[in-house]
Amino acid sequence: MRKLMVLAAAVAMLAGPAAAAGNAAGGAQVFARCAICHSSAKGEGNKIGPNLFGVVGRKAGTAPGFSYSAAMKSAGFAWSNDRLDAYIKSPALAVPGNKMPFAGLPSAGQRTDLIAYLDTLK
């Protein structure tokens, strides 16, 4: 876990302004909760949820090999930092009818850090 945090911090420094808003190393710690359902390494398979490598900028509902809900398949947007923030805050409100069984992450700081971490997964 320590290696992951160090790597995330190093990548965040190189990632530029998009990741600068949050603390990617802190986001890697938050992601530990997400890792129960989501993988994050390039080429790693999906779990209960889709692999999140490259999620920032990817069209919603399009990770290869994952069976998305009709709501997510037809969401019609790409995952920007703002879209991710809204979704992580309240998946049911951001994409009604999605099948992610997660109530949401109320802490704005944790969401910002998590998104900074996701922004490093390129």
PDB file of N, CA and C in Angstrom:
ATOM      1  N   MET A   1       0.836  -1.192   0.000  1.00  0.00           N
ATOM      2  CA  MET A   1       0.000   0.000   0.000  1.00  0.00           C
ATOM      3  C   MET A   1       0.879   1.253   0.000  1.00  0.00           C
ATOM      4  N   ARG A   2       1.978   1.224   0.758  1.00  0.00           N
ATOM      5  CA  ARG A   2       2.877   2.377   0.808  1.00  0.00           C
ATOM      6  C   ARG A   2       3.456   2.658  -0.581  1.00  0.00           C
ATOM      7  N   LYS A   3       3.824   1.602  -1.307  1.00  0.00           N
ATOM      8  CA  LYS A   3       4.365   1.800  -2.656  1.00  0.00           C
ATOM      9  C   LYS A   3       3.328   2.448  -3.556  1.00  0.00           C
ATOM     10  N   LEU A   4       2.075   2.045  -3.417  1.00  0.00           N
ATOM     11  CA  LEU A   4       1.002   2.616  -4.221  1.00  0.00           C
ATOM     12  C   LEU A   4       0.851   4.104  -3.915  1.00  0.00           C
ATOM     13  N   MET A   5       0.920   4.469  -2.645  1.00  0.00           N
ATOM     14  CA  MET A   5       0.773   5.865  -2.263  1.00  0.00           C
ATOM     15  C   MET A   5       1.938   6.698  -2.792  1.00  0.00           C
ATOM     16  N   VAL A   6       3.159   6.169  -2.703  1.00  0.00           N
ATOM     17  CA  VAL A   6       4.323   6.888  -3.211  1.00  0.00           C
ATOM     18  C   VAL A   6       4.211   7.048  -4.719  1.00  0.00           C
ATOM     19  N   LEU A   7       3.827   5.984  -5.402  1.00  0.00           N
ATOM     20  CA  LEU A   7       3.658   6.042  -6.849  1.00  0.00           C
ATOM     21  C   LEU A   7       2.579   7.048  -7.227  1.00  0.00           C
ATOM     22  N   ALA A   8       1.468   7.027  -6.527  1.00  0.00           N
ATOM     23  CA  ALA A   8       0.378   7.955  -6.828  1.00  0.00           C
ATOM     24  C   ALA A   8       0.832   9.392  -6.618  1.00  0.00           C
ATOM     25  N   ALA A   9       1.594   9.654  -5.578  1.00  0.00           N
ATOM     26  CA  ALA A   9       2.086  11.007  -5.323  1.00  0.00           C
ATOM     27  C   ALA A   9       3.035  11.452  -6.428  1.00  0.00           C
ATOM     28  N   ALA A  10       3.916  10.561  -6.856  1.00  0.00           N
ATOM     29  CA  ALA A  10       4.861  10.894  -7.924  1.00  0.00           C
ATOM     30  C   ALA A  10       4.132  11.170  -9.226  1.00  0.00           C
ATOM     31  N   VAL A  11       3.166  10.347  -9.546  1.00  0.00           N
ATOM     32  CA  VAL A  11       2.408  10.540 -10.778  1.00  0.00           C
ATOM     33  C   VAL A  11       1.612  11.833 -10.705  1.00  0.00           C
ATOM     34  N   ALA A  12       1.070  12.148  -9.542  1.00  0.00           N
ATOM     35  CA  ALA A  12       0.294  13.377  -9.383  1.00  0.00           C
ATOM     36  C   ALA A  12       1.158  14.599  -9.654  1.00  0.00           C
ATOM     37  N   MET A  13       2.404  14.566  -9.241  1.00  0.00           N
ATOM     38  CA  MET A  13       3.297  15.692  -9.496  1.00  0.00           C
ATOM     39  C   MET A  13       3.543  15.873 -10.981  1.00  0.00           C
ATOM     40  N   LEU A  14       3.545  14.773 -11.718  1.00  0.00           N
ATOM     41  CA  LEU A  14       3.786  14.839 -13.162  1.00  0.00           C
ATOM     42  C   LEU A  14       2.511  15.068 -13.958  1.00  0.00           C
ATOM     43  N   ALA A  15       1.369  14.835 -13.347  1.00  0.00           N
ATOM     44  CA  ALA A  15       0.107  14.847 -14.079  1.00  0.00           C
ATOM     45  C   ALA A  15      -0.357  16.239 -14.471  1.00  0.00           C
ATOM     46  N   GLY A  16       0.099  17.258 -13.800  1.00  0.00           N
ATOM     47  CA  GLY A  16      -0.241  18.615 -14.185  1.00  0.00           C
ATOM     48  C   GLY A  16      -1.484  19.140 -13.508  1.00  0.00           C
ATOM     49  N   PRO A  17      -2.050  20.223 -14.052  1.00  0.00           N
ATOM     50  CA  PRO A  17      -3.121  20.945 -13.394  1.00  0.00           C
ATOM     51  C   PRO A  17      -4.386  20.151 -13.164  1.00  0.00           C
ATOM     52  N   ALA A  18      -4.712  19.204 -14.035  1.00  0.00           N
ATOM     53  CA  ALA A  18      -5.971  18.462 -13.862  1.00  0.00           C
ATOM     54  C   ALA A  18      -5.994  17.717 -12.547  1.00  0.00           C
ATOM     55  N   ALA A  19      -4.854  17.197 -12.118  1.00  0.00           N
ATOM     56  CA  ALA A  19      -4.801  16.446 -10.876  1.00  0.00           C
ATOM     57  C   ALA A  19      -4.420  17.316  -9.696  1.00  0.00           C
ATOM     58  N   ALA A  20      -4.045  18.563  -9.943  1.00  0.00           N
ATOM     59  CA  ALA A  20      -3.516  19.417  -8.891  1.00  0.00           C
ATOM     60  C   ALA A  20      -4.554  19.795  -7.842  1.00  0.00           C
ATOM     61  N   ALA A  21      -5.832  19.739  -8.166  1.00  0.00           N
ATOM     62  CA  ALA A  21      -6.873  20.169  -7.246  1.00  0.00           C
ATOM     63  C   ALA A  21      -6.943  19.306  -5.998  1.00  0.00           C
ATOM     64  N   GLY A  22      -6.593  18.035  -6.099  1.00  0.00           N
ATOM     65  CA  GLY A  22      -6.661  17.141  -4.957  1.00  0.00           C
ATOM     66  C   GLY A  22      -5.327  16.495  -4.683  1.00  0.00           C
ATOM     67  N   ASN A  23      -5.306  15.683  -3.654  1.00  0.00           N
ATOM     68  CA  ASN A  23      -4.116  14.974  -3.235  1.00  0.00           C
ATOM     69  C   ASN A  23      -4.232  13.524  -3.719  1.00  0.00           C
ATOM     70  N   ALA A  24      -3.493  13.183  -4.759  1.00  0.00           N
ATOM     71  CA  ALA A  24      -3.600  11.846  -5.346  1.00  0.00           C
ATOM     72  C   ALA A  24      -3.188  10.754  -4.367  1.00  0.00           C
ATOM     73  N   ALA A  25      -2.200  11.031  -3.523  1.00  0.00           N
ATOM     74  CA  ALA A  25      -1.786  10.026  -2.535  1.00  0.00           C
ATOM     75  C   ALA A  25      -2.917   9.760  -1.543  1.00  0.00           C
ATOM     76  N   GLY A  26      -3.594  10.824  -1.121  1.00  0.00           N
ATOM     77  CA  GLY A  26      -4.764  10.649  -0.260  1.00  0.00           C
ATOM     78  C   GLY A  26      -5.879   9.933  -0.996  1.00  0.00           C
ATOM     79  N   GLY A  27      -6.011  10.242  -2.281  1.00  0.00           N
ATOM     80  CA  GLY A  27      -7.028   9.576  -3.097  1.00  0.00           C
ATOM     81  C   GLY A  27      -6.765   8.098  -3.257  1.00  0.00           C
ATOM     82  N   ALA A  28      -5.487   7.712  -3.296  1.00  0.00           N
ATOM     83  CA  ALA A  28      -5.147   6.282  -3.369  1.00  0.00           C
ATOM     84  C   ALA A  28      -5.628   5.577  -2.102  1.00  0.00           C
ATOM     85  N   GLN A  29      -5.541   6.263  -0.981  1.00  0.00           N
ATOM     86  CA  GLN A  29      -6.047   5.687   0.269  1.00  0.00           C
ATOM     87  C   GLN A  29      -7.566   5.549   0.230  1.00  0.00           C
ATOM     88  N   VAL A  30      -8.247   6.558  -0.291  1.00  0.00           N
ATOM     89  CA  VAL A  30      -9.704   6.492  -0.425  1.00  0.00           C
ATOM     90  C   VAL A  30     -10.081   5.362  -1.380  1.00  0.00           C
ATOM     91  N   PHE A  31      -9.304   5.221  -2.466  1.00  0.00           N
ATOM     92  CA  PHE A  31      -9.589   4.184  -3.459  1.00  0.00           C
ATOM     93  C   PHE A  31      -9.515   2.777  -2.865  1.00  0.00           C
ATOM     94  N   ALA A  32      -8.803   2.595  -1.781  1.00  0.00           N
ATOM     95  CA  ALA A  32      -8.736   1.275  -1.154  1.00  0.00           C
ATOM     96  C   ALA A  32     -10.149   0.749  -0.876  1.00  0.00           C
ATOM     97  N   ARG A  33     -11.088   1.635  -0.557  1.00  0.00           N
ATOM     98  CA  ARG A  33     -12.491   1.225  -0.353  1.00  0.00           C
ATOM     99  C   ARG A  33     -13.134   0.803  -1.672  1.00  0.00           C
ATOM    100  N   CYS A  34     -12.770   1.490  -2.740  1.00  0.00           N
ATOM    101  CA  CYS A  34     -13.338   1.213  -4.063  1.00  0.00           C
ATOM    102  C   CYS A  34     -12.786  -0.093  -4.640  1.00  0.00           C
ATOM    103  N   ALA A  35     -11.549  -0.429  -4.223  1.00  0.00           N
ATOM    104  CA  ALA A  35     -10.854  -1.592  -4.780  1.00  0.00           C
ATOM    105  C   ALA A  35     -11.544  -2.905  -4.456  1.00  0.00           C
ATOM    106  N   ILE A  36     -12.476  -2.891  -3.556  1.00  0.00           N
ATOM    107  CA  ILE A  36     -13.263  -4.082  -3.276  1.00  0.00           C
ATOM    108  C   ILE A  36     -14.039  -4.484  -4.537  1.00  0.00           C
ATOM    109  N   CYS A  37     -14.508  -3.484  -5.275  1.00  0.00           N
ATOM    110  CA  CYS A  37     -15.329  -3.727  -6.460  1.00  0.00           C
ATOM    111  C   CYS A  37     -14.675  -3.330  -7.778  1.00  0.00           C
ATOM    112  N   HIS A  38     -13.662  -2.461  -7.733  1.00  0.00           N
ATOM    113  CA  HIS A  38     -13.050  -1.927  -8.954  1.00  0.00           C
ATOM    114  C   HIS A  38     -11.553  -2.197  -8.995  1.00  0.00           C
ATOM    115  N   SER A  39     -11.048  -2.643 -10.133  1.00  0.00           N
ATOM    116  CA  SER A  39      -9.611  -2.718 -10.355  1.00  0.00           C
ATOM    117  C   SER A  39      -9.173  -1.382 -10.945  1.00  0.00           C
ATOM    118  N   SER A  40      -7.850  -1.131 -10.922  1.00  0.00           N
ATOM    119  CA  SER A  40      -7.377   0.157 -11.420  1.00  0.00           C
ATOM    120  C   SER A  40      -6.091   0.058 -12.237  1.00  0.00           C
ATOM    121  N   ALA A  41      -5.560  -1.132 -12.401  1.00  0.00           N
ATOM    122  CA  ALA A  41      -4.312  -1.293 -13.154  1.00  0.00           C
ATOM    123  C   ALA A  41      -4.613  -1.520 -14.630  1.00  0.00           C
ATOM    124  N   LYS A  42      -3.755  -0.973 -15.470  1.00  0.00           N
ATOM    125  CA  LYS A  42      -3.912  -1.145 -16.911  1.00  0.00           C
ATOM    126  C   LYS A  42      -3.920  -2.635 -17.254  1.00  0.00           C
ATOM    127  N   GLY A  43      -4.910  -3.052 -18.023  1.00  0.00           N
ATOM    128  CA  GLY A  43      -5.002  -4.434 -18.464  1.00  0.00           C
ATOM    129  C   GLY A  43      -5.602  -5.393 -17.449  1.00  0.00           C
ATOM    130  N   GLU A  44      -5.831  -4.939 -16.238  1.00  0.00           N
ATOM    131  CA  GLU A  44      -6.442  -5.788 -15.221  1.00  0.00           C
ATOM    132  C   GLU A  44      -7.927  -5.947 -15.547  1.00  0.00           C
ATOM    133  N   GLY A  45      -8.484  -7.082 -15.229  1.00  0.00           N
ATOM    134  CA  GLY A  45      -9.881  -7.344 -15.547  1.00  0.00           C
ATOM    135  C   GLY A  45     -10.848  -6.553 -14.683  1.00  0.00           C
ATOM    136  N   ASN A  46     -12.097  -6.620 -15.051  1.00  0.00           N
ATOM    137  CA  ASN A  46     -13.164  -6.012 -14.268  1.00  0.00           C
ATOM    138  C   ASN A  46     -13.434  -6.865 -13.045  1.00  0.00           C
ATOM    139  N   LYS A  47     -13.996  -6.262 -12.032  1.00  0.00           N
ATOM    140  CA  LYS A  47     -14.468  -6.982 -10.852  1.00  0.00           C
ATOM    141  C   LYS A  47     -15.994  -6.869 -10.860  1.00  0.00           C
ATOM    142  N   ILE A  48     -16.583  -6.688  -9.716  1.00  0.00           N
ATOM    143  CA  ILE A  48     -18.031  -6.446  -9.647  1.00  0.00           C
ATOM    144  C   ILE A  48     -18.361  -5.162 -10.400  1.00  0.00           C
ATOM    145  N   GLY A  49     -17.431  -4.212 -10.357  1.00  0.00           N
ATOM    146  CA  GLY A  49     -17.528  -2.971 -11.119  1.00  0.00           C
ATOM    147  C   GLY A  49     -16.457  -2.951 -12.192  1.00  0.00           C
ATOM    148  N   PRO A  50     -16.522  -1.993 -13.105  1.00  0.00           N
ATOM    149  CA  PRO A  50     -15.538  -1.944 -14.189  1.00  0.00           C
ATOM    150  C   PRO A  50     -14.157  -1.506 -13.717  1.00  0.00           C
ATOM    151  N   ASN A  51     -13.140  -1.862 -14.492  1.00  0.00           N
ATOM    152  CA  ASN A  51     -11.785  -1.381 -14.253  1.00  0.00           C
ATOM    153  C   ASN A  51     -11.805   0.135 -14.480  1.00  0.00           C
ATOM    154  N   LEU A  52     -11.174   0.881 -13.567  1.00  0.00           N
ATOM    155  CA  LEU A  52     -11.203   2.336 -13.648  1.00  0.00           C
ATOM    156  C   LEU A  52      -9.933   2.944 -14.234  1.00  0.00           C
ATOM    157  N   PHE A  53      -9.027   2.114 -14.752  1.00  0.00           N
ATOM    158  CA  PHE A  53      -7.853   2.661 -15.427  1.00  0.00           C
ATOM    159  C   PHE A  53      -8.325   3.438 -16.653  1.00  0.00           C
ATOM    160  N   GLY A  54      -7.920   4.687 -16.762  1.00  0.00           N
ATOM    161  CA  GLY A  54      -8.326   5.506 -17.899  1.00  0.00           C
ATOM    162  C   GLY A  54      -9.750   6.014 -17.845  1.00  0.00           C
ATOM    163  N   VAL A  55     -10.382   5.984 -16.680  1.00  0.00           N
ATOM    164  CA  VAL A  55     -11.784   6.395 -16.588  1.00  0.00           C
ATOM    165  C   VAL A  55     -11.973   7.874 -16.902  1.00  0.00           C
ATOM    166  N   VAL A  56     -11.031   8.731 -16.488  1.00  0.00           N
ATOM    167  CA  VAL A  56     -11.179  10.158 -16.763  1.00  0.00           C
ATOM    168  C   VAL A  56     -11.065  10.377 -18.272  1.00  0.00           C
ATOM    169  N   GLY A  57     -12.121  10.906 -18.855  1.00  0.00           N
ATOM    170  CA  GLY A  57     -12.181  11.139 -20.288  1.00  0.00           C
ATOM    171  C   GLY A  57     -12.866  10.030 -21.074  1.00  0.00           C
ATOM    172  N   ARG A  58     -13.091   8.880 -20.440  1.00  0.00           N
ATOM    173  CA  ARG A  58     -13.738   7.763 -21.128  1.00  0.00           C
ATOM    174  C   ARG A  58     -15.252   7.975 -21.155  1.00  0.00           C
ATOM    175  N   LYS A  59     -15.879   7.588 -22.229  1.00  0.00           N
ATOM    176  CA  LYS A  59     -17.332   7.666 -22.327  1.00  0.00           C
ATOM    177  C   LYS A  59     -17.953   6.713 -21.304  1.00  0.00           C
ATOM    178  N   ALA A  60     -18.957   7.191 -20.593  1.00  0.00           N
ATOM    179  CA  ALA A  60     -19.640   6.388 -19.586  1.00  0.00           C
ATOM    180  C   ALA A  60     -20.220   5.125 -20.206  1.00  0.00           C
ATOM    181  N   GLY A  61     -20.092   4.026 -19.488  1.00  0.00           N
ATOM    182  CA  GLY A  61     -20.692   2.771 -19.934  1.00  0.00           C
ATOM    183  C   GLY A  61     -19.942   2.048 -21.029  1.00  0.00           C
ATOM    184  N   THR A  62     -18.629   2.299 -21.164  1.00  0.00           N
ATOM    185  CA  THR A  62     -17.900   1.713 -22.285  1.00  0.00           C
ATOM    186  C   THR A  62     -16.646   0.924 -21.916  1.00  0.00           C
ATOM    187  N   ALA A  63     -16.378   0.656 -20.653  1.00  0.00           N
ATOM    188  CA  ALA A  63     -15.196  -0.152 -20.319  1.00  0.00           C
ATOM    189  C   ALA A  63     -15.381  -1.537 -20.931  1.00  0.00           C
ATOM    190  N   PRO A  64     -14.381  -2.017 -21.649  1.00  0.00           N
ATOM    191  CA  PRO A  64     -14.499  -3.307 -22.339  1.00  0.00           C
ATOM    192  C   PRO A  64     -14.813  -4.465 -21.382  1.00  0.00           C
ATOM    193  N   GLY A  65     -15.746  -5.294 -21.794  1.00  0.00           N
ATOM    194  CA  GLY A  65     -16.046  -6.516 -21.065  1.00  0.00           C
ATOM    195  C   GLY A  65     -16.910  -6.369 -19.837  1.00  0.00           C
ATOM    196  N   PHE A  66     -17.399  -5.161 -19.540  1.00  0.00           N
ATOM    197  CA  PHE A  66     -18.238  -4.988 -18.364  1.00  0.00           C
ATOM    198  C   PHE A  66     -19.701  -4.880 -18.786  1.00  0.00           C
ATOM    199  N   SER A  67     -20.572  -5.517 -18.017  1.00  0.00           N
ATOM    200  CA  SER A  67     -22.004  -5.509 -18.304  1.00  0.00           C
ATOM    201  C   SER A  67     -22.666  -4.336 -17.568  1.00  0.00           C
ATOM    202  N   TYR A  68     -22.836  -3.229 -18.265  1.00  0.00           N
ATOM    203  CA  TYR A  68     -23.416  -2.025 -17.680  1.00  0.00           C
ATOM    204  C   TYR A  68     -24.933  -2.054 -17.690  1.00  0.00           C
ATOM    205  N   SER A  69     -25.520  -1.259 -16.810  1.00  0.00           N
ATOM    206  CA  SER A  69     -26.967  -1.056 -16.826  1.00  0.00           C
ATOM    207  C   SER A  69     -27.333  -0.261 -18.076  1.00  0.00           C
ATOM    208  N   ALA A  70     -28.576  -0.353 -18.461  1.00  0.00           N
ATOM    209  CA  ALA A  70     -29.058   0.429 -19.602  1.00  0.00           C
ATOM    210  C   ALA A  70     -28.877   1.924 -19.327  1.00  0.00           C
ATOM    211  N   ALA A  71     -29.085   2.329 -18.080  1.00  0.00           N
ATOM    212  CA  ALA A  71     -28.939   3.740 -17.715  1.00  0.00           C
ATOM    213  C   ALA A  71     -27.511   4.224 -17.962  1.00  0.00           C
ATOM    214  N   MET A  72     -26.522   3.428 -17.596  1.00  0.00           N
ATOM    215  CA  MET A  72     -25.132   3.852 -17.773  1.00  0.00           C
ATOM    216  C   MET A  72     -24.745   3.812 -19.251  1.00  0.00           C
ATOM    217  N   LYS A  73     -25.213   2.803 -19.960  1.00  0.00           N
ATOM    218  CA  LYS A  73     -24.909   2.714 -21.396  1.00  0.00           C
ATOM    219  C   LYS A  73     -25.448   3.915 -22.160  1.00  0.00           C
ATOM    220  N   SER A  74     -26.579   4.442 -21.722  1.00  0.00           N
ATOM    221  CA  SER A  74     -27.200   5.557 -22.440  1.00  0.00           C
ATOM    222  C   SER A  74     -26.947   6.910 -21.776  1.00  0.00           C
ATOM    223  N   ALA A  75     -26.019   6.964 -20.828  1.00  0.00           N
ATOM    224  CA  ALA A  75     -25.765   8.215 -20.101  1.00  0.00           C
ATOM    225  C   ALA A  75     -25.336   9.346 -21.031  1.00  0.00           C
ATOM    226  N   GLY A  76     -24.566   9.036 -22.071  1.00  0.00           N
ATOM    227  CA  GLY A  76     -24.250  10.023 -23.084  1.00  0.00           C
ATOM    228  C   GLY A  76     -23.216  11.072 -22.721  1.00  0.00           C
ATOM    229  N   PHE A  77     -22.349  10.793 -21.779  1.00  0.00           N
ATOM    230  CA  PHE A  77     -21.298  11.746 -21.439  1.00  0.00           C
ATOM    231  C   PHE A  77     -19.983  11.015 -21.205  1.00  0.00           C
ATOM    232  N   ALA A  78     -18.911  11.786 -21.217  1.00  0.00           N
ATOM    233  CA  ALA A  78     -17.593  11.261 -20.858  1.00  0.00           C
ATOM    234  C   ALA A  78     -17.312  11.660 -19.409  1.00  0.00           C
ATOM    235  N   TRP A  79     -16.516  10.861 -18.741  1.00  0.00           N
ATOM    236  CA  TRP A  79     -16.207  11.091 -17.334  1.00  0.00           C
ATOM    237  C   TRP A  79     -15.211  12.241 -17.167  1.00  0.00           C
ATOM    238  N   SER A  80     -15.710  13.407 -16.908  1.00  0.00           N
ATOM    239  CA  SER A  80     -14.888  14.563 -16.545  1.00  0.00           C
ATOM    240  C   SER A  80     -14.749  14.565 -15.027  1.00  0.00           C
ATOM    241  N   ASN A  81     -13.890  15.409 -14.510  1.00  0.00           N
ATOM    242  CA  ASN A  81     -13.743  15.497 -13.055  1.00  0.00           C
ATOM    243  C   ASN A  81     -15.060  15.912 -12.400  1.00  0.00           C
ATOM    244  N   ASP A  82     -15.791  16.831 -13.022  1.00  0.00           N
ATOM    245  CA  ASP A  82     -17.073  17.265 -12.468  1.00  0.00           C
ATOM    246  C   ASP A  82     -18.107  16.147 -12.482  1.00  0.00           C
ATOM    247  N   ARG A  83     -18.159  15.379 -13.561  1.00  0.00           N
ATOM    248  CA  ARG A  83     -19.098  14.247 -13.644  1.00  0.00           C
ATOM    249  C   ARG A  83     -18.740  13.180 -12.608  1.00  0.00           C
ATOM    250  N   LEU A  84     -17.449  12.903 -12.479  1.00  0.00           N
ATOM    251  CA  LEU A  84     -17.015  11.933 -11.472  1.00  0.00           C
ATOM    252  C   LEU A  84     -17.401  12.404 -10.072  1.00  0.00           C
ATOM    253  N   ASP A  85     -17.205  13.683  -9.795  1.00  0.00           N
ATOM    254  CA  ASP A  85     -17.546  14.211  -8.479  1.00  0.00           C
ATOM    255  C   ASP A  85     -19.027  14.004  -8.182  1.00  0.00           C
ATOM    256  N   ALA A  86     -19.875  14.359  -9.138  1.00  0.00           N
ATOM    257  CA  ALA A  86     -21.321  14.188  -8.943  1.00  0.00           C
ATOM    258  C   ALA A  86     -21.677  12.717  -8.750  1.00  0.00           C
ATOM    259  N   TYR A  87     -21.056  11.845  -9.529  1.00  0.00           N
ATOM    260  CA  TYR A  87     -21.366  10.419  -9.451  1.00  0.00           C
ATOM    261  C   TYR A  87     -20.877   9.812  -8.137  1.00  0.00           C
ATOM    262  N   ILE A  88     -19.671  10.147  -7.738  1.00  0.00           N
ATOM    263  CA  ILE A  88     -19.130   9.601  -6.494  1.00  0.00           C
ATOM    264  C   ILE A  88     -19.913  10.134  -5.294  1.00  0.00           C
ATOM    265  N   LYS A  89     -20.402  11.361  -5.394  1.00  0.00           N
ATOM    266  CA  LYS A  89     -21.208  11.939  -4.313  1.00  0.00           C
ATOM    267  C   LYS A  89     -22.533  11.198  -4.171  1.00  0.00           C
ATOM    268  N   SER A  90     -23.195  10.923  -5.296  1.00  0.00           N
ATOM    269  CA  SER A  90     -24.488  10.242  -5.261  1.00  0.00           C
ATOM    270  C   SER A  90     -24.747   9.548  -6.589  1.00  0.00           C
ATOM    271  N   PRO A  91     -24.292   8.295  -6.717  1.00  0.00           N
ATOM    272  CA  PRO A  91     -24.490   7.572  -7.978  1.00  0.00           C
ATOM    273  C   PRO A  91     -25.949   7.531  -8.433  1.00  0.00           C
ATOM    274  N   ALA A  92     -26.865   7.352  -7.498  1.00  0.00           N
ATOM    275  CA  ALA A  92     -28.275   7.233  -7.862  1.00  0.00           C
ATOM    276  C   ALA A  92     -28.845   8.526  -8.425  1.00  0.00           C
ATOM    277  N   LEU A  93     -28.357   9.666  -7.956  1.00  0.00           N
ATOM    278  CA  LEU A  93     -28.828  10.943  -8.483  1.00  0.00           C
ATOM    279  C   LEU A  93     -28.124  11.308  -9.791  1.00  0.00           C
ATOM    280  N   ALA A  94     -26.847  10.990  -9.898  1.00  0.00           N
ATOM    281  CA  ALA A  94     -26.068  11.369 -11.075  1.00  0.00           C
ATOM    282  C   ALA A  94     -26.473  10.570 -12.308  1.00  0.00           C
ATOM    283  N   VAL A  95     -26.722   9.273 -12.117  1.00  0.00           N
ATOM    284  CA  VAL A  95     -27.163   8.411 -13.226  1.00  0.00           C
ATOM    285  C   VAL A  95     -28.282   7.518 -12.684  1.00  0.00           C
ATOM    286  N   PRO A  96     -29.515   8.042 -12.665  1.00  0.00           N
ATOM    287  CA  PRO A  96     -30.633   7.245 -12.151  1.00  0.00           C
ATOM    288  C   PRO A  96     -30.758   5.920 -12.915  1.00  0.00           C
ATOM    289  N   GLY A  97     -30.926   4.839 -12.150  1.00  0.00           N
ATOM    290  CA  GLY A  97     -31.078   3.526 -12.758  1.00  0.00           C
ATOM    291  C   GLY A  97     -29.777   2.758 -12.927  1.00  0.00           C
ATOM    292  N   ASN A  98     -28.640   3.375 -12.527  1.00  0.00           N
ATOM    293  CA  ASN A  98     -27.377   2.629 -12.601  1.00  0.00           C
ATOM    294  C   ASN A  98     -27.412   1.508 -11.574  1.00  0.00           C
ATOM    295  N   LYS A  99     -26.514   0.546 -11.710  1.00  0.00           N
ATOM    296  CA  LYS A  99     -26.576  -0.613 -10.806  1.00  0.00           C
ATOM    297  C   LYS A  99     -25.476  -0.652  -9.750  1.00  0.00           C
ATOM    298  N   MET A 100     -24.768   0.470  -9.558  1.00  0.00           N
ATOM    299  CA  MET A 100     -23.719   0.479  -8.541  1.00  0.00           C
ATOM    300  C   MET A 100     -24.352   0.578  -7.153  1.00  0.00           C
ATOM    301  N   PRO A 101     -24.120  -0.444  -6.299  1.00  0.00           N
ATOM    302  CA  PRO A 101     -24.744  -0.445  -4.968  1.00  0.00           C
ATOM    303  C   PRO A 101     -23.913   0.345  -3.954  1.00  0.00           C
ATOM    304  N   PHE A 102     -23.747   1.633  -4.185  1.00  0.00           N
ATOM    305  CA  PHE A 102     -22.945   2.492  -3.328  1.00  0.00           C
ATOM    306  C   PHE A 102     -23.744   3.758  -3.081  1.00  0.00           C
ATOM    307  N   ALA A 103     -23.928   4.106  -1.814  1.00  0.00           N
ATOM    308  CA  ALA A 103     -24.749   5.270  -1.467  1.00  0.00           C
ATOM    309  C   ALA A 103     -24.084   6.585  -1.834  1.00  0.00           C
ATOM    310  N   GLY A 104     -22.759   6.620  -1.864  1.00  0.00           N
ATOM    311  CA  GLY A 104     -22.055   7.849  -2.204  1.00  0.00           C
ATOM    312  C   GLY A 104     -21.041   8.226  -1.139  1.00  0.00           C
ATOM    313  N   LEU A 105     -20.158   9.126  -1.498  1.00  0.00           N
ATOM    314  CA  LEU A 105     -19.100   9.612  -0.617  1.00  0.00           C
ATOM    315  C   LEU A 105     -19.396  11.077  -0.326  1.00  0.00           C
ATOM    316  N   PRO A 106     -19.872  11.386   0.880  1.00  0.00           N
ATOM    317  CA  PRO A 106     -20.291  12.761   1.176  1.00  0.00           C
ATOM    318  C   PRO A 106     -19.145  13.766   1.321  1.00  0.00           C
ATOM    319  N   SER A 107     -17.962  13.334   1.658  1.00  0.00           N
ATOM    320  CA  SER A 107     -16.852  14.251   1.899  1.00  0.00           C
ATOM    321  C   SER A 107     -16.293  14.817   0.587  1.00  0.00           C
ATOM    322  N   ALA A 108     -16.448  16.125   0.388  1.00  0.00           N
ATOM    323  CA  ALA A 108     -15.936  16.778  -0.817  1.00  0.00           C
ATOM    324  C   ALA A 108     -14.420  16.626  -0.916  1.00  0.00           C
ATOM    325  N   GLY A 109     -13.720  16.708   0.207  1.00  0.00           N
ATOM    326  CA  GLY A 109     -12.272  16.563   0.198  1.00  0.00           C
ATOM    327  C   GLY A 109     -11.833  15.172  -0.239  1.00  0.00           C
ATOM    328  N   GLN A 110     -12.510  14.159   0.257  1.00  0.00           N
ATOM    329  CA  GLN A 110     -12.181  12.790  -0.147  1.00  0.00           C
ATOM    330  C   GLN A 110     -12.499  12.568  -1.622  1.00  0.00           C
ATOM    331  N   ARG A 111     -13.599  13.154  -2.103  1.00  0.00           N
ATOM    332  CA  ARG A 111     -13.935  13.022  -3.531  1.00  0.00           C
ATOM    333  C   ARG A 111     -12.881  13.704  -4.395  1.00  0.00           C
ATOM    334  N   THR A 112     -12.451  14.881  -3.991  1.00  0.00           N
ATOM    335  CA  THR A 112     -11.435  15.614  -4.748  1.00  0.00           C
ATOM    336  C   THR A 112     -10.134  14.821  -4.802  1.00  0.00           C
ATOM    337  N   ASP A 113      -9.744  14.246  -3.660  1.00  0.00           N
ATOM    338  CA  ASP A 113      -8.525  13.429  -3.623  1.00  0.00           C
ATOM    339  C   ASP A 113      -8.679  12.179  -4.481  1.00  0.00           C
ATOM    340  N   LEU A 114      -9.830  11.527  -4.386  1.00  0.00           N
ATOM    341  CA  LEU A 114     -10.071  10.320  -5.172  1.00  0.00           C
ATOM    342  C   LEU A 114     -10.013  10.630  -6.668  1.00  0.00           C
ATOM    343  N   ILE A 115     -10.606  11.724  -7.076  1.00  0.00           N
ATOM    344  CA  ILE A 115     -10.590  12.104  -8.492  1.00  0.00           C
ATOM    345  C   ILE A 115      -9.169  12.440  -8.936  1.00  0.00           C
ATOM    346  N   ALA A 116      -8.388  13.076  -8.067  1.00  0.00           N
ATOM    347  CA  ALA A 116      -6.980  13.352  -8.390  1.00  0.00           C
ATOM    348  C   ALA A 116      -6.239  12.037  -8.610  1.00  0.00           C
ATOM    349  N   TYR A 117      -6.531  11.030  -7.795  1.00  0.00           N
ATOM    350  CA  TYR A 117      -5.921   9.710  -7.979  1.00  0.00           C
ATOM    351  C   TYR A 117      -6.383   9.084  -9.302  1.00  0.00           C
ATOM    352  N   LEU A 118      -7.686   9.102  -9.563  1.00  0.00           N
ATOM    353  CA  LEU A 118      -8.203   8.526 -10.810  1.00  0.00           C
ATOM    354  C   LEU A 118      -7.583   9.228 -12.019  1.00  0.00           C
ATOM    355  N   ASP A 119      -7.322  10.516 -11.879  1.00  0.00           N
ATOM    356  CA  ASP A 119      -6.707  11.292 -12.950  1.00  0.00           C
ATOM    357  C   ASP A 119      -5.279  10.822 -13.269  1.00  0.00           C
ATOM    358  N   THR A 120      -4.653  10.120 -12.342  1.00  0.00           N
ATOM    359  CA  THR A 120      -3.288   9.602 -12.584  1.00  0.00           C
ATOM    360  C   THR A 120      -3.300   8.287 -13.323  1.00  0.00           C
ATOM    361  N   LEU A 121      -4.447   7.652 -13.448  1.00  0.00           N
ATOM    362  CA  LEU A 121      -4.542   6.315 -14.045  1.00  0.00           C
ATOM    363  C   LEU A 121      -4.647   6.430 -15.554  1.00  0.00           C
ATOM    364  N   LYS A 122      -3.502   6.701 -16.185  1.00  0.00           N
ATOM    365  CA  LYS A 122      -3.483   6.922 -17.642  1.00  0.00           C
ATOM    366  C   LYS A 122      -2.406   6.092 -18.268  1.00  0.00           C
TER     367      LYS A 122
END
